[in-house]
């Protein structure tokens, strides 16, 4: 297997996870800011690796497998950290919604692929919008401190709830698309 630029970016995103976690736990406000910047960098590489794979015609089965794994790993790490840092129901509820949807949709995609209907649950615009809002929300929640007089944490929390709503809506869309296959008789 030849290592392509898009796959290298995806692997880089995975390598960033322990760095992100270590920075988050630095006992200084600078740690959270650096962790937020590393998470933002990882989020940018998530968009960029797919773009490069298409543009450079370097799409691969390994890259198609690894990309969503890398995304879920870093998002799961971020969610665990923000819930641990702020263990209120206000943060836990959208976190549970987001993690539950990721598990359900991943299982749905795997099952649909098994029955030859993977295309019915391909990534949609709503899914991409959910991911974008979620990434901004997580960056702001990780950053924690106000910036230029803006209540970054509160903005992040509002965006997190928007992401949770989009999460539920996108899950509904995926289930709706898969419903005919899910309910057909054997």
Protein backbone atom coordinates (compact mmCIF):
# COMPACT_ATOMS: atom_id res chain seq x y z
CA UNK A 1 0.00 0.00 0.00
CA UNK A 2 1.33 3.39 -1.02
CA UNK A 3 0.94 6.16 1.56
CA UNK A 4 -0.92 9.03 -0.12
CA UNK A 5 -1.08 12.63 1.08
CA UNK A 6 -4.75 12.31 2.13
CA UNK A 7 -4.05 9.12 4.11
CA UNK A 8 -1.01 10.76 5.72
CA UNK A 9 -3.26 13.64 6.83
CA UNK A 10 -5.73 11.16 8.31
CA UNK A 11 -2.93 9.37 10.17
CA UNK A 12 -1.65 12.76 11.34
CA UNK A 13 -5.12 13.42 12.81
CA UNK A 14 -4.84 10.19 14.81
CA UNK A 15 -1.34 11.12 16.02
CA UNK A 16 -2.73 14.47 17.21
CA UNK A 17 -5.13 12.76 19.66
CA UNK A 18 -2.65 12.08 22.51
CA UNK A 19 -1.10 15.52 21.99
CA UNK A 20 -4.56 17.07 22.19
CA UNK A 21 -5.36 15.19 25.41
CA UNK A 22 -2.03 16.08 27.04
CA UNK A 23 -2.46 19.77 26.17
CA UNK A 24 -6.02 19.75 27.54
CA UNK A 25 -4.72 18.56 30.92
CA UNK A 26 -1.90 21.08 31.22
CA UNK A 27 -2.49 22.88 34.53
CA UNK A 28 -2.66 26.31 32.92
CA UNK A 29 -5.30 28.18 30.86
CA UNK A 30 -2.83 28.04 27.97
CA UNK A 31 -3.29 24.25 27.87
CA UNK A 32 -6.97 24.51 26.94
CA UNK A 33 -6.19 27.09 24.27
CA UNK A 34 -3.45 24.94 22.75
CA UNK A 35 -5.72 21.88 22.91
CA UNK A 36 -8.44 23.85 21.11
CA UNK A 37 -5.97 24.86 18.41
CA UNK A 38 -4.81 21.25 17.95
CA UNK A 39 -8.44 20.11 17.73
CA UNK A 40 -9.14 22.87 15.19
CA UNK A 41 -6.12 21.73 13.16
CA UNK A 42 -7.40 18.15 13.25
CA UNK A 43 -10.83 19.37 12.13
CA UNK A 44 -9.31 21.22 9.20
CA UNK A 45 -7.34 18.15 8.15
CA UNK A 46 -10.62 16.19 8.21
CA UNK A 47 -12.00 18.43 5.48
CA UNK A 48 -8.71 18.76 3.65
CA UNK A 49 -7.89 15.05 3.38
CA UNK A 50 -11.18 14.27 1.62
CA UNK A 51 -10.77 17.26 -0.67
CA UNK A 52 -7.21 16.23 -1.57
CA UNK A 53 -8.20 12.60 -2.12
CA UNK A 54 -10.78 13.67 -4.70
CA UNK A 55 -8.67 16.39 -6.29
CA UNK A 56 -5.51 14.29 -6.57
CA UNK A 57 -7.50 11.16 -7.43
CA UNK A 58 -5.90 9.41 -4.46
CA UNK A 59 -9.04 7.85 -3.01
CA UNK A 60 -8.37 4.43 -1.51
CA UNK A 61 -10.24 1.75 0.37
CA UNK A 62 -7.87 2.19 3.34
CA UNK A 63 -8.40 5.95 3.36
CA UNK A 64 -12.18 5.53 3.11
CA UNK A 65 -12.03 3.20 6.13
CA UNK A 66 -9.55 5.22 8.19
CA UNK A 67 -11.04 8.71 7.71
CA UNK A 68 -14.28 8.15 9.65
CA UNK A 69 -12.38 6.17 12.30
CA UNK A 70 -9.99 9.09 12.84
CA UNK A 71 -12.94 11.51 13.00
CA UNK A 72 -14.79 9.45 15.59
CA UNK A 73 -11.66 8.91 17.71
CA UNK A 74 -10.81 12.58 18.06
CA UNK A 75 -14.44 13.65 18.52
CA UNK A 76 -14.94 10.97 21.18
CA UNK A 77 -11.79 12.13 22.96
CA UNK A 78 -13.00 15.74 22.87
CA UNK A 79 -16.46 14.81 24.17
CA UNK A 80 -15.00 12.77 27.04
CA UNK A 81 -12.74 15.69 27.98
CA UNK A 82 -15.45 18.36 27.91
CA UNK A 83 -17.87 16.21 29.94
CA UNK A 84 -15.11 15.45 32.44
CA UNK A 85 -14.26 19.16 32.68
CA UNK A 86 -17.92 20.19 33.06
CA UNK A 87 -19.91 17.18 34.32
CA UNK A 88 -23.30 18.89 34.33
CA UNK A 89 -26.35 17.42 32.59
CA UNK A 90 -26.25 20.54 30.40
CA UNK A 91 -23.10 19.18 28.76
CA UNK A 92 -23.72 15.45 29.21
CA UNK A 93 -27.10 15.34 27.42
CA UNK A 94 -25.97 16.62 24.00
CA UNK A 95 -22.80 14.53 24.40
CA UNK A 96 -24.84 11.37 24.87
CA UNK A 97 -27.02 12.28 21.88
CA UNK A 98 -23.98 12.84 19.65
CA UNK A 99 -22.14 9.67 20.73
CA UNK A 100 -25.32 7.56 20.49
CA UNK A 101 -26.01 8.82 16.97
CA UNK A 102 -22.46 8.06 15.86
CA UNK A 103 -22.77 4.49 17.10
CA UNK A 104 -26.23 4.02 15.57
CA UNK A 105 -25.35 5.50 12.18
CA UNK A 106 -22.05 3.58 12.03
CA UNK A 107 -23.92 0.35 12.73
CA UNK A 108 -26.56 1.28 10.17
CA UNK A 109 -23.93 2.00 7.51
CA UNK A 110 -22.14 -1.26 8.26
CA UNK A 111 -25.37 -3.26 8.01
CA UNK A 112 -26.47 -1.47 4.84
CA UNK A 113 -23.07 -2.21 3.28
CA UNK A 114 -23.48 -5.86 4.26
CA UNK A 115 -26.78 -6.06 2.37
CA UNK A 116 -25.40 -4.14 -0.61
CA UNK A 117 -27.24 -0.88 0.05
CA UNK A 118 -24.41 1.32 1.39
CA UNK A 119 -25.21 4.10 -1.10
CA UNK A 120 -28.62 4.62 0.54
CA UNK A 121 -26.91 5.99 3.66
CA UNK A 122 -24.01 7.92 2.18
CA UNK A 123 -22.95 11.14 3.89
CA UNK A 124 -25.51 13.88 3.29
CA UNK A 125 -25.43 17.67 3.41
CA UNK A 126 -27.16 17.55 6.82
CA UNK A 127 -24.44 15.21 8.06
CA UNK A 128 -21.75 17.58 6.82
CA UNK A 129 -23.51 20.56 8.42
CA UNK A 130 -23.78 18.64 11.69
CA UNK A 131 -20.07 17.87 11.60
CA UNK A 132 -19.15 21.50 10.89
CA UNK A 133 -21.29 22.89 13.71
CA UNK A 134 -20.08 20.15 16.04
CA UNK A 135 -16.42 20.90 15.32
CA UNK A 136 -16.87 24.63 16.00
CA UNK A 137 -18.81 23.82 19.17
CA UNK A 138 -16.10 21.48 20.43
CA UNK A 139 -13.31 23.97 19.66
CA UNK A 140 -15.16 26.64 21.67
CA UNK A 141 -15.95 24.26 24.54
CA UNK A 142 -12.31 23.17 24.69
CA UNK A 143 -11.04 26.77 24.53
CA UNK A 144 -13.22 27.60 27.57
CA UNK A 145 -12.16 31.22 28.15
CA UNK A 146 -13.75 34.37 26.79
CA UNK A 147 -12.11 35.80 23.69
CA UNK A 148 -12.30 39.45 22.68
CA UNK A 149 -15.13 39.90 25.16
CA UNK A 150 -17.15 37.05 23.64
CA UNK A 151 -18.44 34.28 25.93
CA UNK A 152 -16.76 31.51 23.94
CA UNK A 153 -17.84 28.69 26.25
CA UNK A 154 -21.48 29.77 26.14
CA UNK A 155 -21.36 30.16 22.35
CA UNK A 156 -19.83 26.69 22.19
CA UNK A 157 -22.60 25.29 24.37
CA UNK A 158 -25.31 26.82 22.16
CA UNK A 159 -23.57 25.43 19.05
CA UNK A 160 -23.27 22.07 20.81
CA UNK A 161 -27.05 21.97 21.22
CA UNK A 162 -27.49 22.97 17.57
CA UNK A 163 -25.12 20.11 16.68
CA UNK A 164 -27.16 17.72 18.84
CA UNK A 165 -30.37 18.77 17.06
CA UNK A 166 -28.69 18.36 13.65
CA UNK A 167 -27.37 15.02 14.91
CA UNK A 168 -30.88 13.78 15.63
CA UNK A 169 -32.20 15.16 12.35
CA UNK A 170 -29.40 13.58 10.30
CA UNK A 171 -29.94 10.25 12.08
CA UNK A 172 -33.64 10.49 11.20
CA UNK A 173 -32.70 11.16 7.55
CA UNK A 174 -30.35 8.17 7.45
CA UNK A 175 -32.97 5.92 9.07
CA UNK A 176 -35.61 7.17 6.66
CA UNK A 177 -33.34 6.38 3.71
CA UNK A 178 -32.60 2.92 5.09
CA UNK A 179 -36.16 2.16 6.23
CA UNK A 180 -37.29 0.31 3.09
CA UNK A 181 -34.29 -2.01 3.38
CA UNK A 182 -34.64 -2.36 7.15
CA UNK A 183 -38.29 -3.37 6.92
CA UNK A 184 -38.28 -5.60 3.84
CA UNK A 185 -39.13 -9.24 4.36
CA UNK A 186 -36.37 -11.83 3.93
